[in-house]
Amino acid sequence: MAPQTGSTEKERKPVSAFLQLFTWDEIRIHNGRGPSKEQWLVIDRNVYDVSNFSKRHPGGSRVIGHYAGQDATDAFVAFHSDKALVKKYLKSLLIGELAPDQPSFESNKKKSLLEDFRELRCTVEKMGLLNPDSTFFSLIFLHLLVLDAASWLTVWYFGISLVPFLVGMAFFTVAQIQMGWFQHDLGHCSVFRKPKWNHLLQIIVINTLKGLPASWWNHLHNQHHAKPNCFRKDPDLNMHPLLFSLGKTLSVELGKKKKKFMPYNYQHKYFSLLAPLALIPFFQLSIFYFAIRKKKWLELFLVVFYNIRVCLMYIPLMGFNNFMVYYWMSRYFESTWFIWVSQMNHIPMQIDYDKNKDWVSTQLHATCNVNQSLFNDWFTGHLNFQIEHHLFPTMPRHNYQKAAPLVKALCDKHGIEYKSKTLLRAFVDILNSLKESGEHWLEAYLHG
C-alpha cells in the first residue's frame, strides 16, 4: 500500500473488507515508474490495479499502462464497445474507489468539457451512430477483393509488357492500401457488433491478404489512439529522433542536447523519399520480431503462408526478377500512400510529452480533418474524419460525417479549434511543419 497522502488510515472508511478509499495524489504515484512499478488507474471513480493484468490485456500491455496513475474513464468507454465483456476482467482488479471528498475529474482536466462530451456520446449512441451498416462494409470488402483479383488477372491475361505490368502493379497497390483501411476498421471493432467477429475477419484480412500480424498492428495502433502525439507513448512518433525531429518541444530539447542523427533542418526535403523507404524494412523486420517474441505462432504461420501464396501466384507468370520489381515497387507506392494519409492529420498538430489532458483535448490537439468528398473518403479510408475517429474509435466510418456537426458544435462551445482543410493543404502542412521543427532544432543546436 502506498504512503497515505491527504488522509490517514484511521480516517478511511473501507467500502468493504477488501476495498479502500484513495486520493488522486495516491493514485498519481502508481504510474508504473516508481520503485514498486505498480500501475493503478481510475474508471468511473473505481480504482483498479492493472500491474499484472497489463501483460494479459487483449488490447496490448502498453496501452493500458499509458494511463497508469491517471483517470482512464473516457478512454475505457471509447475503446470498449461491449462493456459487459470486460466486466469479468475489471471485477478482479478492483482495489478501491475515490474518497468522497475527491473530485471525479483530475484538477488539470476540464470538467464542463468532459461532461458535455459524455452527453454528446450518449446522443451519438441514441442516434445509432455506433452501429455498423453491413451493406456498406460488404461493398468495401467486395471492392478490395475485386481489385486484388484484377492485379493478377491483368498480368495473367495480357502478359508482362510495360502497360499491363504497370496496370497490374497499380491494382495490387490500391488493393493493398484498401485492405489496410478495411482491417483498420476491423481492428477498431466497427464492422460487426460482436468484437470476436471483427477480430476473426481482421486476422483473415491483414494476415492472409496483407502479410502482417493483426496483434502487431493492434499493439501499436491502440497506443496511438490512447495517447496521440505523446512522445514515448505514441509509437507513430518513434521516427523521432533517429530520422526526423518532430514538434517544437522535442526539437528544441534535441538541439539543446547537441544531438544530430540527421540534418533535421533539411527533413522537409528528404521526408517524401526517406519516410516510405524506412517504413518498408521496419514493417518487414518488426512483424517477425514481434510474432516470435510474443509467440504468435498462428499469425506467424499465416504471414509466411501469405508470402508463399503471393510468390506462387505471380512468379510463374512473370519470373522471379520481374516479380521482385512488381512486388516491392507496389509496397513502396503503398507505403508512400500510407505515410502521407496517416501523417497529414498528426504531424502538423501539437507534439509533446504526455500532459494528462482530458480525453477531448488530448484528441483535438493531436488531430485535424480533411474536407469531405467521395474521393477523399475513399482515398483515405475515411481517415479524413480523423477528429471523429479519434473521439469515437469504435464508430463505423460511414457515420463520421453525421457525427461531425455535433463534434464541431462541442468545439465551438468550448473554444477548441476544429481544424479541417483541403487534401493538398494537409499534405503541404506536413512539409511546413517538418521545416519549422527543423528550424527550431537548428536554432537550439547552434545557440541553445
Protein backbone atom coordinates (compact mmCIF):
# COMPACT_ATOMS: atom_id res chain seq x y z
CA MET A 1 0.00 0.00 0.00
CA ALA A 2 1.28 3.45 -0.89
CA PRO A 3 2.03 6.05 1.78
CA GLN A 4 -1.11 7.91 2.78
CA THR A 5 -1.40 11.41 1.32
CA GLY A 6 -4.27 13.69 2.16
CA SER A 7 -5.86 11.18 4.57
CA THR A 8 -4.85 8.72 7.24
CA GLU A 9 -5.64 5.04 7.55
CA LYS A 10 -7.78 5.85 10.59
CA GLU A 11 -9.84 8.41 8.65
CA ARG A 12 -10.58 5.97 5.88
CA LYS A 13 -13.81 4.07 5.84
CA PRO A 14 -13.34 0.99 3.68
CA VAL A 15 -16.11 0.20 1.22
CA SER A 16 -15.77 -3.43 2.18
CA ALA A 17 -13.27 -5.68 3.88
CA PHE A 18 -11.07 -5.50 0.79
CA LEU A 19 -11.71 -2.06 -0.73
CA GLN A 20 -10.22 1.21 0.39
CA LEU A 21 -10.64 4.89 -0.34
CA PHE A 22 -7.91 6.69 -2.25
CA THR A 23 -6.92 10.24 -3.15
CA TRP A 24 -5.72 11.42 -6.54
CA ASP A 25 -2.28 12.01 -5.03
CA GLU A 26 -2.04 8.34 -4.07
CA ILE A 27 -3.18 7.18 -7.48
CA ARG A 28 -0.85 9.52 -9.33
CA ILE A 29 2.32 7.95 -7.90
CA HIS A 30 1.29 4.47 -9.06
CA ASN A 31 2.21 5.21 -12.66
CA GLY A 32 4.48 2.22 -13.24
CA ARG A 33 7.66 4.26 -12.94
CA GLY A 34 8.19 4.17 -9.17
CA PRO A 35 10.17 1.58 -7.18
CA SER A 36 7.13 -0.69 -6.90
CA LYS A 37 6.31 -0.49 -10.64
CA GLU A 38 2.63 -0.66 -9.68
CA GLN A 39 0.07 0.59 -12.16
CA TRP A 40 -3.24 1.93 -10.91
CA LEU A 41 -5.91 3.70 -12.90
CA VAL A 42 -9.39 5.09 -12.32
CA ILE A 43 -12.59 4.23 -14.21
CA ASP A 44 -15.84 5.82 -13.04
CA ARG A 45 -14.28 6.63 -9.63
CA ASN A 46 -13.28 3.00 -9.13
CA VAL A 47 -9.57 2.30 -8.64
CA TYR A 48 -8.02 -0.69 -10.38
CA ASP A 49 -4.59 -2.27 -10.01
CA VAL A 50 -3.58 -3.37 -13.54
CA SER A 51 0.07 -4.09 -12.72
CA ASN A 52 -0.14 -7.80 -13.55
CA PHE A 53 -3.17 -7.69 -15.84
CA SER A 54 -1.45 -5.36 -18.32
CA LYS A 55 0.54 -8.30 -19.66
CA ARG A 56 -2.71 -10.15 -20.42
CA HIS A 57 -4.64 -7.13 -21.66
CA PRO A 58 -6.24 -8.07 -25.03
CA GLY A 59 -5.52 -4.59 -26.38
CA GLY A 60 -1.81 -4.82 -25.59
CA SER A 61 0.28 -4.39 -22.45
CA ARG A 62 1.46 -0.87 -23.13
CA VAL A 63 -1.80 0.85 -23.99
CA ILE A 64 -3.29 0.25 -20.55
CA GLY A 65 -0.01 1.24 -18.91
CA HIS A 66 -0.11 4.61 -20.64
CA TYR A 67 -2.99 5.56 -18.33
CA ALA A 68 -1.32 4.33 -15.15
CA GLY A 69 -1.71 6.91 -12.39
CA GLN A 70 -4.47 8.67 -14.33
CA ASP A 71 -8.21 8.69 -14.91
CA ALA A 72 -8.98 6.32 -17.81
CA THR A 73 -12.78 6.60 -17.82
CA ASP A 74 -13.25 8.17 -21.23
CA ALA A 75 -10.53 6.09 -22.87
CA PHE A 76 -12.10 2.94 -21.44
CA VAL A 77 -15.54 3.86 -22.78
CA ALA A 78 -14.11 4.82 -26.17
CA PHE A 79 -12.18 1.59 -26.70
CA HIS A 80 -14.69 -0.96 -25.40
CA SER A 81 -17.91 -1.27 -27.37
CA ASP A 82 -19.03 -4.34 -25.40
CA LYS A 83 -18.88 -3.21 -21.75
CA ALA A 84 -20.38 -6.47 -20.46
CA LEU A 85 -17.48 -8.40 -21.98
CA VAL A 86 -14.85 -6.57 -19.93
CA LYS A 87 -16.66 -6.57 -16.58
CA LYS A 88 -15.29 -10.01 -15.78
CA TYR A 89 -11.77 -8.60 -16.05
CA LEU A 90 -12.44 -5.46 -14.05
CA LYS A 91 -14.02 -7.18 -11.05
CA SER A 92 -10.85 -8.97 -10.03
CA LEU A 93 -8.73 -5.83 -10.47
CA LEU A 94 -10.81 -3.53 -8.24
CA ILE A 95 -8.93 -2.40 -5.13
CA GLY A 96 -10.96 0.62 -4.03
CA GLU A 97 -12.55 3.86 -5.08
CA LEU A 98 -12.01 7.58 -4.85
CA ALA A 99 -12.66 9.03 -1.44
CA PRO A 100 -15.92 11.03 -1.17
CA ASP A 101 -14.02 14.31 -0.88
CA GLN A 102 -12.15 13.64 -4.12
CA PRO A 103 -13.49 15.12 -7.39
CA SER A 104 -14.40 12.76 -10.22
CA PHE A 105 -12.05 14.65 -12.52
CA GLU A 106 -8.36 15.38 -12.01
CA SER A 107 -7.68 19.05 -11.35
CA ASN A 108 -5.96 19.66 -14.70
CA LYS A 109 -8.92 18.39 -16.73
CA LYS A 110 -11.83 20.47 -17.98
CA LYS A 111 -14.89 19.28 -16.09
CA SER A 112 -17.50 21.09 -18.19
CA LEU A 113 -15.92 19.91 -21.44
CA LEU A 114 -15.89 16.28 -20.34
CA GLU A 115 -19.44 16.46 -19.04
CA ASP A 116 -20.63 17.87 -22.37
CA PHE A 117 -18.62 15.27 -24.29
CA ARG A 118 -20.15 12.43 -22.28
CA GLU A 119 -23.56 13.85 -23.02
CA LEU A 120 -22.57 14.01 -26.69
CA ARG A 121 -21.54 10.37 -26.59
CA CYS A 122 -24.96 9.43 -25.20
CA THR A 123 -26.53 11.35 -28.08
CA VAL A 124 -24.31 9.56 -30.58
CA GLU A 125 -25.32 6.20 -29.13
CA LYS A 126 -29.02 7.08 -29.19
CA MET A 127 -28.73 8.16 -32.83
CA GLY A 128 -27.29 4.73 -33.66
CA LEU A 129 -24.04 6.18 -34.96
CA LEU A 130 -22.01 3.40 -33.33
CA ASN A 131 -23.97 0.74 -35.22
CA PRO A 132 -22.33 -0.65 -38.38
CA ASP A 133 -24.02 -0.91 -41.78
CA SER A 134 -23.39 -4.44 -43.06
CA THR A 135 -24.16 -3.45 -46.67
CA PHE A 136 -21.56 -0.67 -46.64
CA PHE A 137 -18.80 -2.91 -45.31
CA SER A 138 -19.78 -5.78 -47.58
CA LEU A 139 -19.27 -3.50 -50.57
CA ILE A 140 -15.95 -2.28 -49.17
CA PHE A 141 -14.78 -5.88 -48.76
CA LEU A 142 -16.04 -6.87 -52.22
CA HIS A 143 -14.32 -3.96 -53.94
CA LEU A 144 -10.93 -4.73 -52.41
CA LEU A 145 -11.22 -8.39 -53.41
CA VAL A 146 -12.05 -7.31 -56.98
CA LEU A 147 -9.00 -5.04 -57.04
CA ASP A 148 -6.78 -7.82 -55.71
CA ALA A 149 -8.07 -10.28 -58.32
CA ALA A 150 -7.70 -7.68 -61.08
CA SER A 151 -3.99 -7.29 -60.34
CA TRP A 152 -3.38 -10.99 -61.02
CA LEU A 153 -5.84 -11.30 -63.92
CA THR A 154 -4.26 -8.34 -65.74
CA VAL A 155 -0.85 -10.00 -65.77
CA TRP A 156 -2.28 -13.45 -66.46
CA TYR A 157 -4.32 -12.31 -69.47
CA PHE A 158 -2.19 -9.52 -71.01
CA GLY A 159 1.30 -10.70 -70.07
CA ILE A 160 4.13 -8.59 -68.65
CA SER A 161 4.69 -5.98 -71.32
CA LEU A 162 5.06 -2.50 -69.85
CA VAL A 163 1.42 -1.35 -69.80
CA PRO A 164 -0.20 -4.46 -68.24
CA PHE A 165 2.76 -4.72 -65.84
CA LEU A 166 2.14 -1.16 -64.59
CA VAL A 167 -1.65 -1.57 -64.58
CA GLY A 168 -1.37 -4.80 -62.58
CA MET A 169 1.02 -3.10 -60.16
CA ALA A 170 -1.45 -0.24 -59.73
CA PHE A 171 -4.29 -2.66 -58.99
CA PHE A 172 -2.12 -4.50 -56.45
CA THR A 173 -1.11 -1.25 -54.72
CA VAL A 174 -4.67 0.05 -54.48
CA ALA A 175 -5.94 -3.33 -53.26
CA GLN A 176 -3.29 -3.45 -50.53
CA ILE A 177 -3.95 0.06 -49.23
CA GLN A 178 -7.73 -0.52 -49.25
CA MET A 179 -7.18 -3.77 -47.36
CA GLY A 180 -5.21 -1.71 -44.87
CA TRP A 181 -8.09 0.71 -44.35
CA PHE A 182 -10.57 -2.17 -44.01
CA GLN A 183 -8.50 -4.13 -41.49
CA HIS A 184 -8.16 -0.85 -39.60
CA ASP A 185 -11.97 -0.79 -39.33
CA LEU A 186 -11.91 -4.38 -38.09
CA GLY A 187 -9.18 -3.61 -35.55
CA HIS A 188 -11.45 -0.94 -34.07
CA CYS A 189 -14.36 -3.40 -33.91
CA SER A 190 -16.50 -1.13 -36.09
CA VAL A 191 -17.57 -3.62 -38.80
CA PHE A 192 -19.50 -6.15 -36.70
CA ARG A 193 -21.38 -5.65 -33.44
CA LYS A 194 -19.55 -8.55 -31.76
CA PRO A 195 -15.79 -7.98 -31.16
CA LYS A 196 -14.93 -11.64 -31.86
CA TRP A 197 -16.20 -11.41 -35.44
CA ASN A 198 -14.16 -8.26 -36.02
CA HIS A 199 -11.03 -9.93 -34.65
CA LEU A 200 -11.57 -13.06 -36.73
CA LEU A 201 -12.03 -11.23 -40.03
CA GLN A 202 -9.15 -8.89 -39.20
CA ILE A 203 -6.84 -11.88 -38.92
CA ILE A 204 -8.06 -13.13 -42.30
CA VAL A 205 -7.62 -9.75 -43.99
CA ILE A 206 -4.36 -8.46 -42.53
CA ASN A 207 -2.63 -11.82 -42.05
CA THR A 208 -3.59 -13.73 -45.18
CA LEU A 209 -4.30 -10.86 -47.61
CA LYS A 210 -1.61 -8.38 -46.49
CA GLY A 211 1.02 -10.46 -44.72
CA LEU A 212 1.03 -8.58 -41.39
CA PRO A 213 0.11 -9.91 -37.90
CA ALA A 214 -3.16 -8.50 -36.55
CA SER A 215 -1.89 -8.47 -32.96
CA TRP A 216 1.19 -6.48 -34.01
CA TRP A 217 -0.94 -3.83 -35.69
CA ASN A 218 -3.36 -3.57 -32.76
CA HIS A 219 -0.49 -3.40 -30.26
CA LEU A 220 0.91 -0.33 -32.00
CA HIS A 221 -2.29 1.32 -33.14
CA ASN A 222 -4.14 1.13 -29.81
CA GLN A 223 -1.28 3.02 -28.19
CA HIS A 224 -1.51 5.69 -30.87
CA HIS A 225 -5.20 6.20 -30.15
CA ALA A 226 -4.74 6.20 -26.39
CA LYS A 227 -2.12 8.96 -26.40
CA PRO A 228 -1.80 10.50 -29.88
CA ASN A 229 1.28 12.65 -30.47
CA CYS A 230 2.56 11.94 -26.94
CA PHE A 231 6.24 11.11 -27.19
CA ARG A 232 7.23 7.73 -25.70
CA LYS A 233 3.56 6.70 -25.66
CA ASP A 234 2.54 7.05 -29.29
CA PRO A 235 4.57 4.59 -31.43
CA ASP A 236 3.92 6.74 -34.51
CA LEU A 237 6.49 9.16 -33.08
CA ASN A 238 9.24 6.54 -32.91
CA MET A 239 10.81 8.09 -36.02
CA HIS A 240 11.96 10.87 -33.65
CA PRO A 241 14.88 11.42 -33.31
CA LEU A 242 16.52 8.76 -35.49
CA LEU A 243 15.09 10.04 -38.80
CA PHE A 244 13.11 13.20 -38.05
CA SER A 245 12.78 15.84 -35.37
CA LEU A 246 9.11 16.37 -34.55
CA GLY A 247 7.34 19.27 -32.87
CA LYS A 248 8.79 22.38 -31.26
CA THR A 249 9.24 20.98 -27.73
CA LEU A 250 11.06 17.80 -28.81
CA SER A 251 13.13 19.62 -31.45
CA VAL A 252 14.36 22.29 -29.06
CA GLU A 253 15.15 19.63 -26.46
CA LEU A 254 17.11 17.63 -29.04
CA GLY A 255 19.02 20.69 -30.20
CA LYS A 256 19.98 21.74 -26.67
CA LYS A 257 21.38 18.26 -26.11
CA LYS A 258 23.51 18.77 -29.25
CA LYS A 259 22.15 15.62 -30.82
CA LYS A 260 22.17 15.25 -34.59
CA PHE A 261 21.27 11.88 -36.09
CA MET A 262 20.15 13.53 -39.32
CA PRO A 263 20.32 17.03 -40.82
CA TYR A 264 16.87 17.88 -39.46
CA ASN A 265 16.89 21.37 -40.98
CA TYR A 266 16.50 19.58 -44.34
CA GLN A 267 13.97 16.98 -43.19
CA HIS A 268 11.14 18.60 -45.13
CA LYS A 269 13.16 17.85 -48.28
CA TYR A 270 14.00 14.19 -47.57
CA PHE A 271 10.71 13.20 -45.93
CA SER A 272 8.96 12.27 -49.20
CA LEU A 273 11.65 9.76 -50.15
CA LEU A 274 13.00 8.54 -46.82
CA ALA A 275 9.81 8.05 -44.80
CA PRO A 276 8.22 5.49 -47.18
CA LEU A 277 11.57 3.75 -47.74
CA ALA A 278 12.18 3.43 -44.00
CA LEU A 279 8.67 2.12 -43.34
CA ILE A 280 9.09 -0.95 -45.59
CA PRO A 281 12.01 -2.63 -43.77
CA PHE A 282 10.61 -1.53 -40.40
CA PHE A 283 7.35 -3.34 -41.10
CA GLN A 284 9.01 -6.41 -42.57
CA LEU A 285 11.50 -6.86 -39.74
CA SER A 286 9.33 -5.83 -36.81
CA ILE A 287 6.45 -8.16 -37.70
CA PHE A 288 8.64 -11.25 -37.44
CA TYR A 289 10.37 -9.97 -34.29
CA PHE A 290 7.02 -9.23 -32.68
CA ALA A 291 5.38 -12.55 -33.67
CA ILE A 292 8.33 -14.61 -32.40
CA ARG A 293 8.79 -12.58 -29.21
CA LYS A 294 5.08 -12.72 -28.36
CA LYS A 295 4.82 -16.35 -29.52
CA LYS A 296 2.06 -15.59 -32.00
CA TRP A 297 2.71 -18.81 -33.89
CA LEU A 298 -0.61 -18.93 -35.77
CA GLU A 299 -0.20 -15.38 -37.01
CA LEU A 300 3.42 -16.08 -37.96
CA PHE A 301 2.28 -19.11 -39.95
CA LEU A 302 -0.36 -17.03 -41.76
CA VAL A 303 2.19 -14.34 -42.62
CA VAL A 304 4.54 -16.96 -44.08
CA PHE A 305 1.58 -18.50 -45.89
CA TYR A 306 0.77 -15.11 -47.42
CA ASN A 307 4.28 -14.71 -48.80
CA ILE A 308 4.29 -18.24 -50.23
CA ARG A 309 0.85 -17.70 -51.77
CA VAL A 310 1.82 -14.45 -53.49
CA CYS A 311 5.03 -15.99 -54.85
CA LEU A 312 3.15 -18.99 -56.24
CA MET A 313 0.57 -16.70 -57.86
CA TYR A 314 2.94 -14.32 -59.62
CA ILE A 315 6.36 -15.91 -60.15
CA PRO A 316 5.08 -18.48 -62.70
CA LEU A 317 3.55 -15.60 -64.70
CA MET A 318 6.48 -13.17 -64.72
CA GLY A 319 9.58 -14.85 -63.31
CA PHE A 320 11.37 -14.09 -60.05
CA ASN A 321 13.17 -10.88 -61.05
CA ASN A 322 10.10 -9.25 -62.55
CA PHE A 323 8.05 -10.28 -59.54
CA MET A 324 10.56 -8.64 -57.18
CA VAL A 325 10.19 -5.37 -59.08
CA TYR A 326 6.39 -5.75 -59.22
CA TYR A 327 6.03 -6.57 -55.54
CA TRP A 328 8.48 -4.14 -53.94
CA MET A 329 7.53 -1.22 -56.16
CA SER A 330 3.92 -1.84 -55.12
CA ARG A 331 4.97 -1.89 -51.50
CA TYR A 332 6.84 1.39 -51.95
CA PHE A 333 3.83 3.12 -53.52
CA GLU A 334 1.59 1.69 -50.81
CA SER A 335 4.00 2.89 -48.13
CA THR A 336 4.04 6.36 -49.68
CA TRP A 337 0.24 6.46 -49.78
CA PHE A 338 0.01 5.27 -46.17
CA ILE A 339 2.62 7.70 -44.84
CA TRP A 340 1.05 10.80 -46.35
CA VAL A 341 -2.50 9.88 -45.33
CA SER A 342 -1.64 8.74 -41.81
CA GLN A 343 0.59 11.73 -41.05
CA MET A 344 -1.43 14.55 -42.66
CA ASN A 345 -3.69 14.63 -39.59
CA HIS A 346 -0.98 14.42 -36.92
CA ILE A 347 2.49 15.79 -37.78
CA PRO A 348 1.21 19.37 -38.24
CA MET A 349 -0.52 19.21 -34.85
CA GLN A 350 0.79 19.53 -31.29
CA ILE A 351 3.55 17.02 -30.44
CA ASP A 352 4.82 16.83 -26.87
CA TYR A 353 5.17 14.59 -23.82
CA ASP A 354 2.00 13.31 -22.16
CA LYS A 355 0.39 16.17 -20.24
CA ASN A 356 -2.51 14.01 -18.98
CA LYS A 357 -5.13 16.24 -20.56
CA ASP A 358 -8.78 15.30 -20.72
CA TRP A 359 -9.87 12.90 -23.47
CA VAL A 360 -11.31 15.57 -25.77
CA SER A 361 -8.33 17.93 -25.51
CA THR A 362 -5.89 15.05 -25.97
CA GLN A 363 -7.53 14.04 -29.24
CA LEU A 364 -8.33 17.52 -30.63
CA HIS A 365 -4.85 18.92 -30.05
CA ALA A 366 -3.30 15.99 -31.90
CA THR A 367 -5.70 15.59 -34.84
CA CYS A 368 -7.28 17.54 -37.66
CA ASN A 369 -9.66 16.74 -40.51
CA VAL A 370 -9.51 16.88 -44.28
CA ASN A 371 -12.58 18.16 -46.10
CA GLN A 372 -15.19 15.59 -47.05
CA SER A 373 -15.62 14.38 -50.62
CA LEU A 374 -16.28 10.98 -52.16
CA PHE A 375 -12.69 10.80 -53.38
CA ASN A 376 -11.20 11.90 -50.05
CA ASP A 377 -13.37 9.38 -48.20
CA TRP A 378 -12.20 6.53 -50.46
CA PHE A 379 -8.58 7.65 -50.79
CA THR A 380 -8.08 7.94 -47.03
CA GLY A 381 -10.38 5.16 -45.86
CA HIS A 382 -12.44 7.93 -44.21
CA LEU A 383 -9.41 8.97 -42.15
CA ASN A 384 -10.11 12.47 -43.42
CA PHE A 385 -12.52 12.45 -40.44
CA GLN A 386 -9.64 11.92 -38.03
CA ILE A 387 -11.19 14.02 -35.25
CA GLU A 388 -14.40 11.97 -35.10
CA HIS A 389 -12.41 8.76 -35.48
CA HIS A 390 -10.20 9.59 -32.50
CA LEU A 391 -13.04 10.72 -30.28
CA PHE A 392 -15.12 7.64 -31.14
CA PRO A 393 -12.65 4.94 -32.28
CA THR A 394 -15.33 2.21 -32.50
CA MET A 395 -17.64 4.32 -34.66
CA PRO A 396 -18.16 2.85 -38.17
CA ARG A 397 -16.55 5.12 -40.72
CA HIS A 398 -19.75 5.68 -42.71
CA ASN A 399 -21.14 7.62 -39.73
CA TYR A 400 -18.29 10.10 -39.26
CA GLN A 401 -19.96 12.66 -41.50
CA LYS A 402 -23.14 12.51 -39.39
CA ALA A 403 -21.21 12.95 -36.14
CA ALA A 404 -19.01 15.79 -37.43
CA PRO A 405 -21.54 18.66 -36.92
CA LEU A 406 -22.15 17.51 -33.34
CA VAL A 407 -18.43 17.45 -32.58
CA LYS A 408 -17.90 20.84 -34.22
CA ALA A 409 -20.69 22.32 -32.07
CA LEU A 410 -18.98 20.97 -28.95
CA CYS A 411 -15.69 22.51 -30.02
CA ASP A 412 -17.32 25.87 -30.77
CA LYS A 413 -18.98 25.91 -27.34
CA HIS A 414 -15.68 25.34 -25.52
CA GLY A 415 -13.43 27.43 -27.75
CA ILE A 416 -11.48 24.49 -29.18
CA GLU A 417 -10.28 24.82 -32.76
CA TYR A 418 -11.87 22.27 -35.09
CA LYS A 419 -9.38 22.13 -37.95
CA SER A 420 -10.45 20.95 -41.41
CA LYS A 421 -8.51 21.60 -44.58
CA THR A 422 -8.17 20.51 -48.20
CA LEU A 423 -6.24 17.34 -49.01
CA LEU A 424 -3.49 19.28 -50.77
CA ARG A 425 -3.23 21.74 -47.86
CA ALA A 426 -2.94 18.80 -45.44
CA PHE A 427 -0.04 17.35 -47.46
CA VAL A 428 1.74 20.71 -47.69
CA ASP A 429 1.30 21.25 -43.95
CA ILE A 430 3.31 18.08 -43.27
CA LEU A 431 6.31 19.61 -45.02
CA ASN A 432 5.76 23.05 -43.48
CA SER A 433 5.61 21.51 -40.02
CA LEU A 434 8.79 19.50 -40.60
CA LYS A 435 10.56 22.61 -41.88
CA GLU A 436 9.50 24.57 -38.81
CA SER A 437 10.58 21.77 -36.44
CA GLY A 438 13.92 21.54 -38.22
CA GLU A 439 14.47 25.27 -37.77
CA HIS A 440 13.70 25.01 -34.04
CA TRP A 441 16.22 22.19 -33.76
CA LEU A 442 18.93 24.09 -35.65
CA GLU A 443 18.46 27.24 -33.57
CA ALA A 444 18.72 25.26 -30.32
CA TYR A 445 21.63 23.19 -31.67
CA LEU A 446 23.65 26.28 -32.62
CA HIS A 447 22.68 28.70 -29.88
CA GLY A 448 20.84 26.70 -27.16
